[in-house]
Amino acid sequence: MSLSREELANKAKLAEQAERYDDMADAMKKLVENYKPLTNEERNLLSVAFKNVVGARRSSWRVISSIESKTDSSEKKQVIASAYRTKITEELKNICNDVLDLLEKYLIDEETMKKYKDAAANNENTDMKDSLVFYLKMKGDYYRYLAEVTTEEEKNDSIIKNDDNEKEKDIESRVFYLKMKGDYYRYLAEVSDGEQNQAVVKKSEDAYKEAYKNANDAMAPTHPIRLGLALNYSVYHYEIMNKPDEACKLAKKAFDDAIAELDTLNEESYKDSTLIMQLLRDNLTLWTSDANQDGDNDGEGENN
C-alpha cells in the first residue's frame, strides 16, 4: 500500500531526526514522483535529504582520494583505496542522477516550466517563481557535484545532460534549480580529470551563469536563494577554476549589495539571509588571507 503525501513527508522528517538521510531521500523521492507541486516545506525536505546523502559520499571520496595519493602508502593499500574510491564515485553519480531525473521529470518538466513562464509573464504567483528558482539552483548544484567525480573514461556517459532548452528567463524560481545543477556538476568536477572534467566544469559554469543572470534580474540582493547562489558560484571560481580574484569579486559584490538593502529584509528570510552573508564574509576573509600569503608565488591562490 502506497503512503499518502502526509505520511511520506512525516517519514522524511522522522528520518531526518534520526539522521538516516538515505531513508529521508527515498521518502522524498517517492513524494516527488507522486505528488506535485511541492510545498515550500516539502521542497526544503527534498533539498536537505539529498544534500546530506551526497555530502557524505563527497566527504568519503576526498578522504579515500587523499589516502590513495599518498606516496608512502603501500601498493596494495593504494589498489584497495582506488577500488573503494571507484565504488564511492559510482554511488555519488547515481545519487546526483537521481536528483537530476526528479528535477527534469517532475519539478521542471516541460508542462511545469510553461506554468512558471506564464506566471512570470503575467507577473503573478510569487510562490511559483520562488519554487522555480529553488529547483533550478538545485539542478545546478547537482550537476556541479557530478563534475567533481566524472572521469575521462565516462566522457560519453548519459550522466551529462543537455541544457540547451533551459533558456527561460526572468523567473525567480529558475535560480534555485540552476544553482543546484551547478553545484552537482561541481561535485563531479572535484573527482574527475581530463576532457570529461572539462565537460562537466563547463556544465557547472553554464548553470551558475544562467542562474546568476536570472537572480540579478528578478530577485532582491537580500533574497537567501540569490545569496546562496552567489556563495556557491564564488566557491566554484575559487575551488574549481582556481580564480581567487574572480571568487572574491563575486562574493564581495553579493555581500555589499545585500548590505545596502539590509533594511528591506523581512522577518521570514532575515535569519537565512544574514547567515549566508556571514559565510560570504568568512570566505572573503579566508581567500584574501590566502592571496596575501601566496603573493610571492606567481600571484596564484591555493585551491581548497
Foldseek 3Di string as FASTA:
>chain_A
DDDDLVVLLVQLVVCVVVVVLVSNLVSLLVNQVPDDDDDPSSLVSNVVSLCSVLVVLLVVLVVLVVVLPDPPDDPVSNVVSVVVSVVSLVVNLVSLLSLLCSCDVGPCDPVLVVVLLVCQVVVHDLVSLQQLLQQLLLLLLQLLLLLQAAEPVCQVPPSDDDCVVVQDAQRNNNNSNLSSSLSSLVSSVVRYDDPSSVRSLVSSVVSLVRSQVRCVRHHQLLALSNLVSLLVVLLSCCAVVQNLVVSLVSLVVSLVSCVVVVVVDDPVCNVSSVVSSVVSVVVNVVSVVQQVVCVVPVSTGDHD
